[in-house]
Amino acid sequence: MTATAEDVLAAFARTPGDVGAARRTARRFADLDPGERSALLWSEDPGGRLVAVVLLVQAARTHPDPDLTDEYLAALRAERLDDPALVDLAAEELVGVPLLGGSTGPLFALAKSDVALVRRTAVVATLAFVKQGDAEVPLAVAGRLVRERGEVVQSALGWVLRETGKRASQASLVAFLEQQGRFLGRAALETATEHLPAAERDRLRA
């Protein structure tokens, strides 16, 4: 019998309801029909939306397809996804990875969105570049959003900047913070500088 969105919801309801459970449920229903996956993504059930996002990431790892990215972004732009965790789970693989080696214009378009979680997606997606040793793209996107005061974007800036300094270029991070660090919120600045040498960290936080 072909599984339905209702079957997924029933299975997930019997779990602890966390991300680990969502991943286990997604693996169990890896062959779910795309229409049923879409029903989950657009459902009123937060657990259903969580499993749907994990299913999209799972599908992208197996068979990369621009339609998976479009499906995810459509739900984000329509504000059907209302939890930053759903961005942090998927933005790198669904949005960032497909852009490696190509135009980064879509990231800057996302950074202009009126929807805060879409702007967060622009930031988190740059982790794909960070892991390739590229500091230029994440710092360019961060520069577009560093003056934003909302926590949804600021919290993402903090840890993506930290990872940029740790995995790509500490010198580039320091130069960025010297120029624009004053625009970051206190919590984001503290996170961004966590892995810097103590003297450098204290200077930039001052």
Protein backbone atom coordinates (compact mmCIF):
# COMPACT_ATOMS: atom_id res chain seq x y z
CA MET A 1 0.00 0.00 0.00
CA THR A 2 1.28 3.47 -0.91
CA ALA A 3 2.05 5.63 2.12
CA THR A 4 0.23 8.92 2.62
CA ALA A 5 0.91 12.13 4.50
CA GLU A 6 -1.48 10.87 7.18
CA ASP A 7 0.63 7.72 7.61
CA VAL A 8 3.72 9.86 8.14
CA LEU A 9 1.96 12.04 10.68
CA ALA A 10 0.69 8.99 12.56
CA ALA A 11 4.18 7.47 12.65
CA PHE A 12 5.82 10.70 13.79
CA ALA A 13 3.17 11.16 16.49
CA ARG A 14 4.45 7.97 18.13
CA THR A 15 7.99 9.38 18.44
CA PRO A 16 9.57 11.94 20.81
CA GLY A 17 8.88 14.54 18.10
CA ASP A 18 12.43 15.86 17.83
CA VAL A 19 14.77 16.25 14.87
CA GLY A 20 16.27 12.81 15.39
CA ALA A 21 12.81 11.27 15.28
CA ALA A 22 12.01 13.28 12.15
CA ARG A 23 15.09 11.88 10.45
CA ARG A 24 14.17 8.33 11.40
CA THR A 25 10.63 8.86 10.16
CA ALA A 26 11.91 10.38 6.90
CA ARG A 27 14.17 7.38 6.29
CA ARG A 28 11.20 5.08 6.85
CA PHE A 29 9.12 7.02 4.31
CA ALA A 30 11.93 7.85 1.89
CA ASP A 31 9.80 6.75 -1.08
CA LEU A 32 6.85 8.97 -0.15
CA ASP A 33 5.11 10.38 -3.22
CA PRO A 34 6.13 14.02 -3.88
CA GLY A 35 2.49 15.06 -3.70
CA GLU A 36 2.17 13.58 -0.23
CA ARG A 37 5.43 15.21 0.80
CA SER A 38 4.06 18.54 -0.40
CA ALA A 39 0.91 17.96 1.64
CA LEU A 40 3.11 17.57 4.72
CA LEU A 41 5.13 20.67 3.89
CA TRP A 42 2.00 22.80 3.62
CA SER A 43 0.12 21.15 6.48
CA GLU A 44 -0.93 22.82 9.72
CA ASP A 45 1.01 20.22 11.70
CA PRO A 46 4.48 21.41 12.82
CA GLY A 47 5.71 17.83 12.97
CA GLY A 48 4.54 17.23 9.43
CA ARG A 49 6.42 20.28 8.20
CA LEU A 50 9.56 19.15 10.03
CA VAL A 51 9.45 15.69 8.46
CA ALA A 52 8.75 17.22 5.04
CA VAL A 53 11.84 19.42 5.24
CA VAL A 54 13.97 16.42 6.24
CA LEU A 55 12.47 14.47 3.33
CA LEU A 56 13.46 17.28 0.94
CA VAL A 57 17.05 17.24 2.22
CA GLN A 58 17.12 13.46 2.01
CA ALA A 59 15.87 13.57 -1.58
CA ALA A 60 18.42 16.23 -2.54
CA ARG A 61 21.27 14.08 -1.24
CA THR A 62 20.10 11.14 -3.34
CA HIS A 63 18.97 12.91 -6.51
CA PRO A 64 19.84 16.65 -6.65
CA ASP A 65 17.00 18.52 -8.32
CA PRO A 66 16.31 22.29 -8.54
CA ASP A 67 12.63 21.52 -7.99
CA LEU A 68 13.41 20.45 -4.42
CA THR A 69 14.98 23.84 -3.74
CA ASP A 70 12.02 25.61 -5.35
CA GLU A 71 9.55 23.60 -3.27
CA TYR A 72 11.34 24.50 -0.06
CA LEU A 73 11.70 28.19 -0.91
CA ALA A 74 8.06 28.46 -1.96
CA ALA A 75 6.95 27.30 1.49
CA LEU A 76 9.42 29.67 3.16
CA ARG A 77 8.34 32.67 1.10
CA ALA A 78 4.70 31.91 1.87
CA GLU A 79 5.63 31.81 5.59
CA ARG A 80 4.41 28.25 5.95
CA LEU A 81 7.71 27.42 7.66
CA ASP A 82 7.86 29.46 10.84
CA ASP A 83 10.71 27.87 12.82
CA PRO A 84 14.38 28.86 12.37
CA ALA A 85 15.28 25.19 12.93
CA LEU A 86 13.68 24.38 9.58
CA VAL A 87 16.12 26.78 7.94
CA ASP A 88 19.12 25.48 9.86
CA LEU A 89 18.28 21.91 8.86
CA ALA A 90 17.98 22.55 5.15
CA ALA A 91 19.39 25.83 3.85
CA GLU A 92 22.94 24.63 3.36
CA GLU A 93 22.02 21.53 1.37
CA LEU A 94 18.89 22.71 -0.45
CA VAL A 95 20.03 26.25 -1.26
CA GLY A 96 23.79 26.58 -0.77
CA VAL A 97 25.15 23.35 -2.25
CA PRO A 98 23.35 23.74 -5.62
CA LEU A 99 25.03 27.15 -6.05
CA LEU A 100 28.60 25.93 -5.58
CA GLY A 101 30.57 26.62 -8.71
CA GLY A 102 27.85 28.80 -10.19
CA SER A 103 26.22 32.19 -9.75
CA THR A 104 25.71 33.34 -6.17
CA GLY A 105 23.12 35.90 -7.29
CA PRO A 106 20.24 33.88 -5.81
CA LEU A 107 21.73 34.26 -2.32
CA PHE A 108 21.69 38.04 -2.58
CA ALA A 109 18.14 37.92 -3.92
CA LEU A 110 17.12 35.91 -0.86
CA ALA A 111 18.89 38.45 1.37
CA LYS A 112 16.50 41.12 0.04
CA SER A 113 13.35 39.17 0.95
CA ASP A 114 10.68 40.69 3.16
CA VAL A 115 10.48 37.38 5.05
CA ALA A 116 12.97 37.06 7.92
CA LEU A 117 13.38 33.29 7.57
CA VAL A 118 14.19 33.70 3.89
CA ARG A 119 16.91 36.19 4.83
CA ARG A 120 18.16 33.70 7.43
CA THR A 121 18.27 31.12 4.65
CA ALA A 122 20.61 33.37 2.65
CA VAL A 123 23.01 33.43 5.60
CA VAL A 124 22.86 29.75 6.55
CA ALA A 125 23.13 28.61 2.93
CA THR A 126 26.61 30.14 2.74
CA LEU A 127 27.88 27.37 5.03
CA ALA A 128 28.21 25.32 1.84
CA PHE A 129 30.84 27.83 0.70
CA VAL A 130 32.50 28.02 4.11
CA LYS A 131 33.07 24.27 4.03
CA GLN A 132 34.82 24.71 0.68
CA GLY A 133 37.21 27.20 2.31
CA ASP A 134 35.46 30.20 0.72
CA ALA A 135 35.13 33.20 3.05
CA GLU A 136 34.20 35.70 0.35
CA VAL A 137 30.61 34.58 -0.24
CA PRO A 138 29.51 34.29 3.41
CA LEU A 139 31.10 37.62 4.30
CA ALA A 140 29.47 39.32 1.32
CA VAL A 141 26.04 38.02 2.32
CA ALA A 142 26.67 38.93 5.96
CA GLY A 143 27.61 42.43 4.86
CA ARG A 144 24.17 42.86 3.30
CA LEU A 145 22.38 41.84 6.51
CA VAL A 146 24.70 42.85 9.35
CA ARG A 147 22.65 45.95 10.21
CA GLU A 148 19.46 43.97 10.69
CA ARG A 149 18.35 43.97 14.31
CA GLY A 150 15.99 40.97 14.31
CA GLU A 151 17.16 37.92 16.23
CA VAL A 152 16.17 35.55 13.42
CA VAL A 153 18.94 36.92 11.21
CA GLN A 154 21.37 38.10 13.89
CA SER A 155 21.66 34.69 15.53
CA ALA A 156 22.45 33.09 12.16
CA LEU A 157 25.05 35.76 11.41
CA GLY A 158 26.85 35.02 14.66
CA TRP A 159 27.43 31.33 14.11
CA VAL A 160 27.98 31.50 10.35
CA LEU A 161 30.64 34.19 10.88
CA ARG A 162 32.23 32.05 13.58
CA GLU A 163 32.37 29.08 11.20
CA THR A 164 33.78 31.31 8.46
CA GLY A 165 36.71 32.26 10.67
CA LYS A 166 37.20 28.70 11.86
CA ARG A 167 36.90 26.84 8.54
CA ALA A 168 37.71 29.37 5.81
CA SER A 169 39.74 32.43 6.81
CA GLN A 170 40.33 33.87 10.25
CA ALA A 171 42.06 36.91 8.75
CA SER A 172 39.06 37.66 6.53
CA LEU A 173 36.70 37.36 9.49
CA VAL A 174 38.81 39.74 11.56
CA ALA A 175 38.92 42.26 8.72
CA PHE A 176 35.14 42.02 8.33
CA LEU A 177 34.54 42.52 12.04
CA GLU A 178 36.91 45.49 12.16
CA GLN A 179 34.78 47.17 9.52
CA GLN A 180 31.28 45.96 10.37
CA GLY A 181 31.37 44.26 13.75
CA ARG A 182 29.88 47.35 15.41
CA PHE A 183 26.62 46.67 13.57
CA LEU A 184 26.23 43.18 15.05
CA GLY A 185 24.15 42.64 18.15
CA ARG A 186 26.11 41.79 21.29
CA ALA A 187 25.18 38.09 21.27
CA ALA A 188 26.01 37.70 17.58
CA LEU A 189 29.38 39.44 18.02
CA GLU A 190 30.27 37.21 20.95
CA THR A 191 29.39 34.10 18.95
CA ALA A 192 31.29 35.32 15.87
CA THR A 193 34.48 35.85 17.88
CA GLU A 194 34.36 32.67 20.00
CA HIS A 195 37.25 30.92 18.25
CA LEU A 196 39.54 33.92 17.87
CA PRO A 197 42.66 34.32 20.03
CA ALA A 198 41.82 35.94 23.35
CA ALA A 199 43.49 39.28 22.63
CA GLU A 200 41.84 39.56 19.22
CA ARG A 201 38.49 38.52 20.66
CA ASP A 202 38.64 41.10 23.44
CA ARG A 203 39.69 43.86 21.04
CA LEU A 204 36.84 43.19 18.64
CA ARG A 205 34.26 42.91 21.40
CA ALA A 206 35.34 46.15 23.06
